[in-house]
Amino acid sequence: MARFEEAIRETEDVFVSRHRDRDEYLAALESGLRESLCEPIELTAEVTEPGLADTEVGSPISGICIAEANGYWLIYSPDRDAFLIFWGMNKDNLQAPGIEGSPLACWSA
């Protein structure tokens, strides 16, 4: 969680529509993410298209889930020192579609 708290301040990779107030959008996004924080658990997913750098599509990838909402899982990968998104309604059958970046960028994708 220390890495999460450090990385939550990174916002340069978060897309914000030109029709939205950037500060308001980022504050709402962070609030929603914080409301979805969960007890950290290790999860594994299958890498799917478009994939992740240095990992073949179809390969398993694991990390620590720190937030979950409606089949959207924010994962911290210590091996990559990166945040990722896993998708799926069943935590035993997740996909990793290649969303990687800051926590807020991942959560907004």
PDB file of N, CA and C in Angstrom:
ATOM      1  N   MET A   1       0.817  -1.199   0.000  1.00  0.00           N
ATOM      2  CA  MET A   1       0.000   0.000   0.000  1.00  0.00           C
ATOM      3  C   MET A   1       0.859   1.260   0.000  1.00  0.00           C
ATOM      4  N   ALA A   2       2.073   1.152   0.498  1.00  0.00           N
ATOM      5  CA  ALA A   2       2.962   2.318   0.470  1.00  0.00           C
ATOM      6  C   ALA A   2       3.238   2.726  -0.968  1.00  0.00           C
ATOM      7  N   ARG A   3       3.452   1.754  -1.842  1.00  0.00           N
ATOM      8  CA  ARG A   3       3.699   2.057  -3.262  1.00  0.00           C
ATOM      9  C   ARG A   3       2.457   2.689  -3.891  1.00  0.00           C
ATOM     10  N   PHE A   4       1.286   2.221  -3.512  1.00  0.00           N
ATOM     11  CA  PHE A   4       0.033   2.792  -3.997  1.00  0.00           C
ATOM     12  C   PHE A   4      -0.072   4.262  -3.598  1.00  0.00           C
ATOM     13  N   GLU A   5       0.172   4.562  -2.333  1.00  0.00           N
ATOM     14  CA  GLU A   5       0.059   5.943  -1.848  1.00  0.00           C
ATOM     15  C   GLU A   5       1.046   6.858  -2.569  1.00  0.00           C
ATOM     16  N   GLU A   6       2.198   6.346  -2.876  1.00  0.00           N
ATOM     17  CA  GLU A   6       3.191   7.117  -3.628  1.00  0.00           C
ATOM     18  C   GLU A   6       2.708   7.340  -5.070  1.00  0.00           C
ATOM     19  N   ALA A   7       2.208   6.289  -5.694  1.00  0.00           N
ATOM     20  CA  ALA A   7       1.848   6.330  -7.111  1.00  0.00           C
ATOM     21  C   ALA A   7       0.507   7.017  -7.383  1.00  0.00           C
ATOM     22  N   ILE A   8      -0.348   7.147  -6.386  1.00  0.00           N
ATOM     23  CA  ILE A   8      -1.664   7.750  -6.615  1.00  0.00           C
ATOM     24  C   ILE A   8      -1.533   9.222  -7.013  1.00  0.00           C
ATOM     25  N   ARG A   9      -0.420   9.822  -6.728  1.00  0.00           N
ATOM     26  CA  ARG A   9      -0.185  11.234  -7.082  1.00  0.00           C
ATOM     27  C   ARG A   9       0.226  11.405  -8.542  1.00  0.00           C
ATOM     28  N   GLU A  10       0.583  10.295  -9.203  1.00  0.00           N
ATOM     29  CA  GLU A  10       0.964  10.351 -10.611  1.00  0.00           C
ATOM     30  C   GLU A  10      -0.311  10.491 -11.442  1.00  0.00           C
ATOM     31  N   THR A  11      -0.415  11.570 -12.196  1.00  0.00           N
ATOM     32  CA  THR A  11      -1.635  11.798 -12.975  1.00  0.00           C
ATOM     33  C   THR A  11      -1.355  12.143 -14.436  1.00  0.00           C
ATOM     34  N   GLU A  12      -0.100  12.245 -14.808  1.00  0.00           N
ATOM     35  CA  GLU A  12       0.212  12.668 -16.179  1.00  0.00           C
ATOM     36  C   GLU A  12      -0.280  11.679 -17.233  1.00  0.00           C
ATOM     37  N   ASP A  13      -0.487  10.412 -16.866  1.00  0.00           N
ATOM     38  CA  ASP A  13      -0.962   9.425 -17.842  1.00  0.00           C
ATOM     39  C   ASP A  13      -2.478   9.215 -17.786  1.00  0.00           C
ATOM     40  N   VAL A  14      -3.187  10.036 -17.027  1.00  0.00           N
ATOM     41  CA  VAL A  14      -4.646   9.941 -16.938  1.00  0.00           C
ATOM     42  C   VAL A  14      -5.262  10.811 -18.031  1.00  0.00           C
ATOM     43  N   PHE A  15      -6.092  10.188 -18.892  1.00  0.00           N
ATOM     44  CA  PHE A  15      -6.788  10.951 -19.920  1.00  0.00           C
ATOM     45  C   PHE A  15      -7.960  11.693 -19.290  1.00  0.00           C
ATOM     46  N   VAL A  16      -8.037  12.985 -19.553  1.00  0.00           N
ATOM     47  CA  VAL A  16      -9.155  13.799 -19.094  1.00  0.00           C
ATOM     48  C   VAL A  16      -9.698  14.542 -20.314  1.00  0.00           C
ATOM     49  N   SER A  17     -10.964  14.332 -20.587  1.00  0.00           N
ATOM     50  CA  SER A  17     -11.605  15.006 -21.711  1.00  0.00           C
ATOM     51  C   SER A  17     -11.474  16.519 -21.560  1.00  0.00           C
ATOM     52  N   ARG A  18     -11.345  17.195 -22.671  1.00  0.00           N
ATOM     53  CA  ARG A  18     -11.228  18.659 -22.627  1.00  0.00           C
ATOM     54  C   ARG A  18     -12.514  19.313 -22.139  1.00  0.00           C
ATOM     55  N   HIS A  19     -13.593  18.547 -22.049  1.00  0.00           N
ATOM     56  CA  HIS A  19     -14.877  19.067 -21.594  1.00  0.00           C
ATOM     57  C   HIS A  19     -15.066  18.927 -20.084  1.00  0.00           C
ATOM     58  N   ARG A  20     -14.063  18.386 -19.412  1.00  0.00           N
ATOM     59  CA  ARG A  20     -14.158  18.172 -17.961  1.00  0.00           C
ATOM     60  C   ARG A  20     -13.133  19.020 -17.242  1.00  0.00           C
ATOM     61  N   ASP A  21     -13.456  19.366 -16.026  1.00  0.00           N
ATOM     62  CA  ASP A  21     -12.501  20.062 -15.170  1.00  0.00           C
ATOM     63  C   ASP A  21     -11.516  19.014 -14.651  1.00  0.00           C
ATOM     64  N   ARG A  22     -10.240  19.169 -14.986  1.00  0.00           N
ATOM     65  CA  ARG A  22      -9.226  18.169 -14.658  1.00  0.00           C
ATOM     66  C   ARG A  22      -9.165  17.883 -13.160  1.00  0.00           C
ATOM     67  N   ASP A  23      -9.102  18.919 -12.345  1.00  0.00           N
ATOM     68  CA  ASP A  23      -8.978  18.724 -10.898  1.00  0.00           C
ATOM     69  C   ASP A  23     -10.188  18.004 -10.315  1.00  0.00           C
ATOM     70  N   GLU A  24     -11.384  18.389 -10.753  1.00  0.00           N
ATOM     71  CA  GLU A  24     -12.603  17.727 -10.260  1.00  0.00           C
ATOM     72  C   GLU A  24     -12.641  16.267 -10.686  1.00  0.00           C
ATOM     73  N   TYR A  25     -12.284  16.010 -11.948  1.00  0.00           N
ATOM     74  CA  TYR A  25     -12.296  14.635 -12.450  1.00  0.00           C
ATOM     75  C   TYR A  25     -11.310  13.767 -11.674  1.00  0.00           C
ATOM     76  N   LEU A  26     -10.094  14.265 -11.481  1.00  0.00           N
ATOM     77  CA  LEU A  26      -9.086  13.484 -10.765  1.00  0.00           C
ATOM     78  C   LEU A  26      -9.494  13.237  -9.319  1.00  0.00           C
ATOM     79  N   ALA A  27     -10.092  14.236  -8.669  1.00  0.00           N
ATOM     80  CA  ALA A  27     -10.549  14.063  -7.284  1.00  0.00           C
ATOM     81  C   ALA A  27     -11.649  13.003  -7.207  1.00  0.00           C
ATOM     82  N   ALA A  28     -12.592  13.029  -8.141  1.00  0.00           N
ATOM     83  CA  ALA A  28     -13.671  12.038  -8.149  1.00  0.00           C
ATOM     84  C   ALA A  28     -13.133  10.641  -8.455  1.00  0.00           C
ATOM     85  N   LEU A  29     -12.192  10.560  -9.381  1.00  0.00           N
ATOM     86  CA  LEU A  29     -11.582   9.277  -9.728  1.00  0.00           C
ATOM     87  C   LEU A  29     -10.843   8.687  -8.529  1.00  0.00           C
ATOM     88  N   GLU A  30     -10.066   9.520  -7.844  1.00  0.00           N
ATOM     89  CA  GLU A  30      -9.334   9.048  -6.663  1.00  0.00           C
ATOM     90  C   GLU A  30     -10.303   8.612  -5.567  1.00  0.00           C
ATOM     91  N   SER A  31     -11.364   9.373  -5.363  1.00  0.00           N
ATOM     92  CA  SER A  31     -12.343   9.024  -4.340  1.00  0.00           C
ATOM     93  C   SER A  31     -12.985   7.668  -4.650  1.00  0.00           C
ATOM     94  N   GLY A  32     -13.362   7.461  -5.900  1.00  0.00           N
ATOM     95  CA  GLY A  32     -13.953   6.184  -6.300  1.00  0.00           C
ATOM     96  C   GLY A  32     -13.000   5.023  -6.126  1.00  0.00           C
ATOM     97  N   LEU A  33     -11.745   5.250  -6.463  1.00  0.00           N
ATOM     98  CA  LEU A  33     -10.737   4.201  -6.297  1.00  0.00           C
ATOM     99  C   LEU A  33     -10.553   3.878  -4.822  1.00  0.00           C
ATOM    100  N   ARG A  34     -10.428   4.889  -4.001  1.00  0.00           N
ATOM    101  CA  ARG A  34     -10.236   4.654  -2.565  1.00  0.00           C
ATOM    102  C   ARG A  34     -11.427   3.915  -1.956  1.00  0.00           C
ATOM    103  N   GLU A  35     -12.632   4.184  -2.435  1.00  0.00           N
ATOM    104  CA  GLU A  35     -13.823   3.476  -1.947  1.00  0.00           C
ATOM    105  C   GLU A  35     -13.798   2.006  -2.338  1.00  0.00           C
ATOM    106  N   SER A  36     -13.025   1.665  -3.371  1.00  0.00           N
ATOM    107  CA  SER A  36     -12.958   0.293  -3.875  1.00  0.00           C
ATOM    108  C   SER A  36     -11.760  -0.486  -3.347  1.00  0.00           C
ATOM    109  N   LEU A  37     -10.942   0.135  -2.485  1.00  0.00           N
ATOM    110  CA  LEU A  37      -9.798  -0.575  -1.929  1.00  0.00           C
ATOM    111  C   LEU A  37     -10.274  -1.809  -1.170  1.00  0.00           C
ATOM    112  N   CYS A  38      -9.477  -2.857  -1.238  1.00  0.00           N
ATOM    113  CA  CYS A  38      -9.830  -4.106  -0.572  1.00  0.00           C
ATOM    114  C   CYS A  38      -8.606  -4.658   0.155  1.00  0.00           C
ATOM    115  N   GLU A  39      -8.851  -5.666   0.933  1.00  0.00           N
ATOM    116  CA  GLU A  39      -7.744  -6.372   1.588  1.00  0.00           C
ATOM    117  C   GLU A  39      -6.866  -6.969   0.485  1.00  0.00           C
ATOM    118  N   PRO A  40      -5.568  -6.693   0.490  1.00  0.00           N
ATOM    119  CA  PRO A  40      -4.702  -7.213  -0.582  1.00  0.00           C
ATOM    120  C   PRO A  40      -4.721  -8.742  -0.658  1.00  0.00           C
ATOM    121  N   ILE A  41      -4.917  -9.242  -1.896  1.00  0.00           N
ATOM    122  CA  ILE A  41      -4.877 -10.676  -2.149  1.00  0.00           C
ATOM    123  C   ILE A  41      -4.137 -10.912  -3.457  1.00  0.00           C
ATOM    124  N   GLU A  42      -3.447 -12.028  -3.544  1.00  0.00           N
ATOM    125  CA  GLU A  42      -2.751 -12.355  -4.779  1.00  0.00           C
ATOM    126  C   GLU A  42      -3.732 -12.971  -5.770  1.00  0.00           C
ATOM    127  N   LEU A  43      -3.680 -12.468  -7.007  1.00  0.00           N
ATOM    128  CA  LEU A  43      -4.523 -12.982  -8.076  1.00  0.00           C
ATOM    129  C   LEU A  43      -3.683 -13.253  -9.317  1.00  0.00           C
ATOM    130  N   THR A  44      -4.189 -14.145 -10.154  1.00  0.00           N
ATOM    131  CA  THR A  44      -3.533 -14.478 -11.420  1.00  0.00           C
ATOM    132  C   THR A  44      -4.545 -14.295 -12.539  1.00  0.00           C
ATOM    133  N   ALA A  45      -4.055 -13.821 -13.680  1.00  0.00           N
ATOM    134  CA  ALA A  45      -4.901 -13.635 -14.862  1.00  0.00           C
ATOM    135  C   ALA A  45      -4.145 -14.119 -16.084  1.00  0.00           C
ATOM    136  N   GLU A  46      -4.890 -14.342 -17.159  1.00  0.00           N
ATOM    137  CA  GLU A  46      -4.302 -14.695 -18.444  1.00  0.00           C
ATOM    138  C   GLU A  46      -4.133 -13.411 -19.253  1.00  0.00           C
ATOM    139  N   VAL A  47      -2.949 -13.192 -19.786  1.00  0.00           N
ATOM    140  CA  VAL A  47      -2.695 -12.022 -20.617  1.00  0.00           C
ATOM    141  C   VAL A  47      -3.465 -12.175 -21.928  1.00  0.00           C
ATOM    142  N   THR A  48      -4.255 -11.157 -22.262  1.00  0.00           N
ATOM    143  CA  THR A  48      -5.038 -11.149 -23.492  1.00  0.00           C
ATOM    144  C   THR A  48      -4.618  -9.953 -24.347  1.00  0.00           C
ATOM    145  N   GLU A  49      -5.081  -9.941 -25.593  1.00  0.00           N
ATOM    146  CA  GLU A  49      -4.770  -8.830 -26.503  1.00  0.00           C
ATOM    147  C   GLU A  49      -5.239  -7.518 -25.910  1.00  0.00           C
ATOM    148  N   PRO A  50      -4.505  -6.447 -26.068  1.00  0.00           N
ATOM    149  CA  PRO A  50      -3.310  -6.295 -26.876  1.00  0.00           C
ATOM    150  C   PRO A  50      -2.028  -6.759 -26.193  1.00  0.00           C
ATOM    151  N   GLY A  51      -2.122  -7.201 -24.956  1.00  0.00           N
ATOM    152  CA  GLY A  51      -0.967  -7.784 -24.273  1.00  0.00           C
ATOM    153  C   GLY A  51      -0.143  -6.786 -23.486  1.00  0.00           C
ATOM    154  N   LEU A  52       0.869  -7.322 -22.838  1.00  0.00           N
ATOM    155  CA  LEU A  52       1.797  -6.548 -22.025  1.00  0.00           C
ATOM    156  C   LEU A  52       3.212  -6.748 -22.554  1.00  0.00           C
ATOM    157  N   ALA A  53       4.035  -5.728 -22.407  1.00  0.00           N
ATOM    158  CA  ALA A  53       5.426  -5.831 -22.839  1.00  0.00           C
ATOM    159  C   ALA A  53       6.108  -6.977 -22.099  1.00  0.00           C
ATOM    160  N   ASP A  54       6.905  -7.741 -22.817  1.00  0.00           N
ATOM    161  CA  ASP A  54       7.699  -8.836 -22.249  1.00  0.00           C
ATOM    162  C   ASP A  54       6.877 -10.004 -21.715  1.00  0.00           C
ATOM    163  N   THR A  55       5.587 -10.075 -22.072  1.00  0.00           N
ATOM    164  CA  THR A  55       4.744 -11.177 -21.623  1.00  0.00           C
ATOM    165  C   THR A  55       3.887 -11.625 -22.802  1.00  0.00           C
ATOM    166  N   GLU A  56       3.958 -12.895 -23.134  1.00  0.00           N
ATOM    167  CA  GLU A  56       3.201 -13.413 -24.275  1.00  0.00           C
ATOM    168  C   GLU A  56       1.711 -13.468 -23.971  1.00  0.00           C
ATOM    169  N   VAL A  57       0.912 -13.180 -24.980  1.00  0.00           N
ATOM    170  CA  VAL A  57      -0.531 -13.349 -24.868  1.00  0.00           C
ATOM    171  C   VAL A  57      -0.797 -14.818 -24.561  1.00  0.00           C
ATOM    172  N   GLY A  58      -1.668 -15.056 -23.598  1.00  0.00           N
ATOM    173  CA  GLY A  58      -1.986 -16.417 -23.169  1.00  0.00           C
ATOM    174  C   GLY A  58      -1.218 -16.852 -21.936  1.00  0.00           C
ATOM    175  N   SER A  59      -0.180 -16.103 -21.587  1.00  0.00           N
ATOM    176  CA  SER A  59       0.621 -16.429 -20.400  1.00  0.00           C
ATOM    177  C   SER A  59      -0.087 -15.959 -19.134  1.00  0.00           C
ATOM    178  N   PRO A  60       0.171 -16.635 -18.026  1.00  0.00           N
ATOM    179  CA  PRO A  60      -0.373 -16.155 -16.760  1.00  0.00           C
ATOM    180  C   PRO A  60       0.488 -15.020 -16.205  1.00  0.00           C
ATOM    181  N   ILE A  61      -0.160 -14.110 -15.502  1.00  0.00           N
ATOM    182  CA  ILE A  61       0.543 -13.035 -14.810  1.00  0.00           C
ATOM    183  C   ILE A  61      -0.126 -12.871 -13.455  1.00  0.00           C
ATOM    184  N   SER A  62       0.676 -12.643 -12.432  1.00  0.00           N
ATOM    185  CA  SER A  62       0.144 -12.528 -11.070  1.00  0.00           C
ATOM    186  C   SER A  62       0.528 -11.194 -10.458  1.00  0.00           C
ATOM    187  N   GLY A  63      -0.228 -10.814  -9.454  1.00  0.00           N
ATOM    188  CA  GLY A  63       0.058  -9.600  -8.716  1.00  0.00           C
ATOM    189  C   GLY A  63      -0.853  -9.514  -7.507  1.00  0.00           C
ATOM    190  N   ILE A  64      -0.734  -8.432  -6.797  1.00  0.00           N
ATOM    191  CA  ILE A  64      -1.495  -8.207  -5.580  1.00  0.00           C
ATOM    192  C   ILE A  64      -2.672  -7.288  -5.889  1.00  0.00           C
ATOM    193  N   CYS A  65      -3.876  -7.786  -5.697  1.00  0.00           N
ATOM    194  CA  CYS A  65      -5.076  -6.977  -5.900  1.00  0.00           C
ATOM    195  C   CYS A  65      -5.237  -6.044  -4.706  1.00  0.00           C
ATOM    196  N   ILE A  66      -5.413  -4.749  -5.000  1.00  0.00           N
ATOM    197  CA  ILE A  66      -5.603  -3.779  -3.918  1.00  0.00           C
ATOM    198  C   ILE A  66      -6.951  -3.052  -4.003  1.00  0.00           C
ATOM    199  N   ALA A  67      -7.654  -3.208  -5.142  1.00  0.00           N
ATOM    200  CA  ALA A  67      -8.984  -2.598  -5.285  1.00  0.00           C
ATOM    201  C   ALA A  67      -9.801  -3.440  -6.257  1.00  0.00           C
ATOM    202  N   GLU A  68     -11.121  -3.460  -6.024  1.00  0.00           N
ATOM    203  CA  GLU A  68     -12.009  -4.228  -6.910  1.00  0.00           C
ATOM    204  C   GLU A  68     -13.372  -3.565  -6.938  1.00  0.00           C
ATOM    205  N   ALA A  69     -13.929  -3.507  -8.154  1.00  0.00           N
ATOM    206  CA  ALA A  69     -15.294  -3.000  -8.320  1.00  0.00           C
ATOM    207  C   ALA A  69     -15.871  -3.564  -9.602  1.00  0.00           C
ATOM    208  N   ASN A  70     -16.957  -4.313  -9.478  1.00  0.00           N
ATOM    209  CA  ASN A  70     -17.720  -4.779 -10.636  1.00  0.00           C
ATOM    210  C   ASN A  70     -16.865  -5.463 -11.705  1.00  0.00           C
ATOM    211  N   GLY A  71     -16.001  -6.358 -11.284  1.00  0.00           N
ATOM    212  CA  GLY A  71     -15.188  -7.106 -12.236  1.00  0.00           C
ATOM    213  C   GLY A  71     -13.965  -6.369 -12.740  1.00  0.00           C
ATOM    214  N   TYR A  72     -13.605  -5.314 -12.080  1.00  0.00           N
ATOM    215  CA  TYR A  72     -12.452  -4.485 -12.425  1.00  0.00           C
ATOM    216  C   TYR A  72     -11.496  -4.568 -11.242  1.00  0.00           C
ATOM    217  N   TRP A  73     -10.296  -5.091 -11.447  1.00  0.00           N
ATOM    218  CA  TRP A  73      -9.374  -5.396 -10.360  1.00  0.00           C
ATOM    219  C   TRP A  73      -8.081  -4.605 -10.552  1.00  0.00           C
ATOM    220  N   LEU A  74      -7.721  -3.743  -9.600  1.00  0.00           N
ATOM    221  CA  LEU A  74      -6.454  -3.011  -9.662  1.00  0.00           C
ATOM    222  C   LEU A  74      -5.385  -3.868  -9.004  1.00  0.00           C
ATOM    223  N   ILE A  75      -4.354  -4.162  -9.763  1.00  0.00           N
ATOM    224  CA  ILE A  75      -3.300  -5.075  -9.346  1.00  0.00           C
ATOM    225  C   ILE A  75      -1.978  -4.332  -9.259  1.00  0.00           C
ATOM    226  N   TYR A  76      -1.214  -4.631  -8.218  1.00  0.00           N
ATOM    227  CA  TYR A  76       0.167  -4.156  -8.164  1.00  0.00           C
ATOM    228  C   TYR A  76       1.063  -5.362  -8.424  1.00  0.00           C
ATOM    229  N   SER A  77       1.934  -5.221  -9.411  1.00  0.00           N
ATOM    230  CA  SER A  77       2.885  -6.279  -9.747  1.00  0.00           C
ATOM    231  C   SER A  77       4.264  -5.894  -9.219  1.00  0.00           C
ATOM    232  N   PRO A  78       4.693  -6.516  -8.122  1.00  0.00           N
ATOM    233  CA  PRO A  78       6.021  -6.197  -7.588  1.00  0.00           C
ATOM    234  C   PRO A  78       7.136  -6.502  -8.586  1.00  0.00           C
ATOM    235  N   ASP A  79       6.976  -7.564  -9.380  1.00  0.00           N
ATOM    236  CA  ASP A  79       8.002  -7.920 -10.364  1.00  0.00           C
ATOM    237  C   ASP A  79       8.204  -6.818 -11.395  1.00  0.00           C
ATOM    238  N   ARG A  80       7.144  -6.151 -11.785  1.00  0.00           N
ATOM    239  CA  ARG A  80       7.197  -5.074 -12.772  1.00  0.00           C
ATOM    240  C   ARG A  80       7.300  -3.704 -12.111  1.00  0.00           C
ATOM    241  N   ASP A  81       7.038  -3.632 -10.797  1.00  0.00           N
ATOM    242  CA  ASP A  81       6.852  -2.369 -10.083  1.00  0.00           C
ATOM    243  C   ASP A  81       5.861  -1.515 -10.864  1.00  0.00           C
ATOM    244  N   ALA A  82       4.709  -2.123 -11.167  1.00  0.00           N
ATOM    245  CA  ALA A  82       3.706  -1.463 -11.990  1.00  0.00           C
ATOM    246  C   ALA A  82       2.308  -1.847 -11.533  1.00  0.00           C
ATOM    247  N   PHE A  83       1.358  -0.987 -11.880  1.00  0.00           N
ATOM    248  CA  PHE A  83      -0.051  -1.258 -11.630  1.00  0.00           C
ATOM    249  C   PHE A  83      -0.684  -1.713 -12.933  1.00  0.00           C
ATOM    250  N   LEU A  84      -1.603  -2.672 -12.818  1.00  0.00           N
ATOM    251  CA  LEU A  84      -2.272  -3.278 -13.968  1.00  0.00           C
ATOM    252  C   LEU A  84      -3.756  -3.399 -13.652  1.00  0.00           C
ATOM    253  N   ILE A  85      -4.534  -3.639 -14.695  1.00  0.00           N
ATOM    254  CA  ILE A  85      -5.943  -3.964 -14.505  1.00  0.00           C
ATOM    255  C   ILE A  85      -6.175  -5.397 -14.960  1.00  0.00           C
ATOM    256  N   PHE A  86      -6.885  -6.148 -14.131  1.00  0.00           N
ATOM    257  CA  PHE A  86      -7.416  -7.451 -14.511  1.00  0.00           C
ATOM    258  C   PHE A  86      -8.919  -7.258 -14.651  1.00  0.00           C
ATOM    259  N   TRP A  87      -9.517  -7.995 -15.590  1.00  0.00           N
ATOM    260  CA  TRP A  87     -10.963  -7.945 -15.805  1.00  0.00           C
ATOM    261  C   TRP A  87     -11.577  -9.312 -15.573  1.00  0.00           C
ATOM    262  N   GLY A  88     -12.807  -9.312 -15.092  1.00  0.00           N
ATOM    263  CA  GLY A  88     -13.557 -10.556 -14.957  1.00  0.00           C
ATOM    264  C   GLY A  88     -14.402 -10.549 -13.707  1.00  0.00           C
ATOM    265  N   MET A  89     -15.527 -11.214 -13.779  1.00  0.00           N
ATOM    266  CA  MET A  89     -16.430 -11.273 -12.633  1.00  0.00           C
ATOM    267  C   MET A  89     -16.040 -12.364 -11.635  1.00  0.00           C
ATOM    268  N   ASN A  90     -15.270 -13.346 -12.092  1.00  0.00           N
ATOM    269  CA  ASN A  90     -14.851 -14.457 -11.239  1.00  0.00           C
ATOM    270  C   ASN A  90     -13.350 -14.339 -10.989  1.00  0.00           C
ATOM    271  N   LYS A  91     -12.957 -14.173  -9.743  1.00  0.00           N
ATOM    272  CA  LYS A  91     -11.528 -13.963  -9.450  1.00  0.00           C
ATOM    273  C   LYS A  91     -10.653 -15.161  -9.815  1.00  0.00           C
ATOM    274  N   ASP A  92     -11.269 -16.294 -10.123  1.00  0.00           N
ATOM    275  CA  ASP A  92     -10.508 -17.467 -10.546  1.00  0.00           C
ATOM    276  C   ASP A  92     -10.401 -17.577 -12.066  1.00  0.00           C
ATOM    277  N   ASN A  93     -10.952 -16.607 -12.780  1.00  0.00           N
ATOM    278  CA  ASN A  93     -10.927 -16.621 -14.246  1.00  0.00           C
ATOM    279  C   ASN A  93     -10.827 -15.191 -14.765  1.00  0.00           C
ATOM    280  N   LEU A  94      -9.651 -14.568 -14.565  1.00  0.00           N
ATOM    281  CA  LEU A  94      -9.452 -13.168 -14.921  1.00  0.00           C
ATOM    282  C   LEU A  94      -8.596 -13.020 -16.169  1.00  0.00           C
ATOM    283  N   GLN A  95      -8.728 -11.869 -16.815  1.00  0.00           N
ATOM    284  CA  GLN A  95      -7.923 -11.524 -17.982  1.00  0.00           C
ATOM    285  C   GLN A  95      -7.137 -10.260 -17.700  1.00  0.00           C
ATOM    286  N   ALA A  96      -5.942 -10.194 -18.272  1.00  0.00           N
ATOM    287  CA  ALA A  96      -5.086  -9.006 -18.181  1.00  0.00           C
ATOM    288  C   ALA A  96      -4.936  -8.456 -19.601  1.00  0.00           C
ATOM    289  N   PRO A  97      -5.745  -7.431 -19.956  1.00  0.00           N
ATOM    290  CA  PRO A  97      -5.774  -6.956 -21.335  1.00  0.00           C
ATOM    291  C   PRO A  97      -4.677  -5.964 -21.709  1.00  0.00           C
ATOM    292  N   GLY A  98      -3.746  -5.713 -20.826  1.00  0.00           N
ATOM    293  CA  GLY A  98      -2.640  -4.836 -21.190  1.00  0.00           C
ATOM    294  C   GLY A  98      -2.767  -3.416 -20.684  1.00  0.00           C
ATOM    295  N   ILE A  99      -3.645  -3.183 -19.736  1.00  0.00           N
ATOM    296  CA  ILE A  99      -3.782  -1.857 -19.143  1.00  0.00           C
ATOM    297  C   ILE A  99      -2.777  -1.747 -18.018  1.00  0.00           C
ATOM    298  N   GLU A 100      -1.843  -0.819 -18.175  1.00  0.00           N
ATOM    299  CA  GLU A 100      -0.733  -0.669 -17.227  1.00  0.00           C
ATOM    300  C   GLU A 100      -0.429   0.815 -17.099  1.00  0.00           C
ATOM    301  N   GLY A 101      -0.126   1.274 -15.887  1.00  0.00           N
ATOM    302  CA  GLY A 101       0.211   2.678 -15.677  1.00  0.00           C
ATOM    303  C   GLY A 101       0.047   3.057 -14.228  1.00  0.00           C
ATOM    304  N   SER A 102      -0.230   4.324 -14.003  1.00  0.00           N
ATOM    305  CA  SER A 102      -0.454   4.791 -12.637  1.00  0.00           C
ATOM    306  C   SER A 102      -1.791   4.222 -12.147  1.00  0.00           C
ATOM    307  N   PRO A 103      -2.010   4.179 -10.836  1.00  0.00           N
ATOM    308  CA  PRO A 103      -3.285   3.655 -10.336  1.00  0.00           C
ATOM    309  C   PRO A 103      -4.500   4.373 -10.927  1.00  0.00           C
ATOM    310  N   LEU A 104      -4.435   5.709 -11.001  1.00  0.00           N
ATOM    311  CA  LEU A 104      -5.581   6.442 -11.529  1.00  0.00           C
ATOM    312  C   LEU A 104      -5.773   6.221 -13.025  1.00  0.00           C
ATOM    313  N   ALA A 105      -4.689   6.107 -13.771  1.00  0.00           N
ATOM    314  CA  ALA A 105      -4.815   5.834 -15.211  1.00  0.00           C
ATOM    315  C   ALA A 105      -5.433   4.456 -15.429  1.00  0.00           C
ATOM    316  N   CYS A 106      -4.982   3.480 -14.665  1.00  0.00           N
ATOM    317  CA  CYS A 106      -5.547   2.139 -14.783  1.00  0.00           C
ATOM    318  C   CYS A 106      -7.022   2.151 -14.421  1.00  0.00           C
ATOM    319  N   TRP A 107      -7.364   2.773 -13.319  1.00  0.00           N
ATOM    320  CA  TRP A 107      -8.739   2.759 -12.824  1.00  0.00           C
ATOM    321  C   TRP A 107      -9.682   3.486 -13.780  1.00  0.00           C
ATOM    322  N   SER A 108      -9.177   4.456 -14.515  1.00  0.00           N
ATOM    323  CA  SER A 108     -10.021   5.221 -15.436  1.00  0.00           C
ATOM    324  C   SER A 108     -10.147   4.581 -16.808  1.00  0.00           C
ATOM    325  N   ALA A 109      -9.343   3.555 -17.079  1.00  0.00           N
ATOM    326  CA  ALA A 109      -9.321   2.958 -18.424  1.00  0.00           C
ATOM    327  C   ALA A 109     -10.596   2.197 -18.726  1.00  0.00           C
TER     328      ALA A 109
END
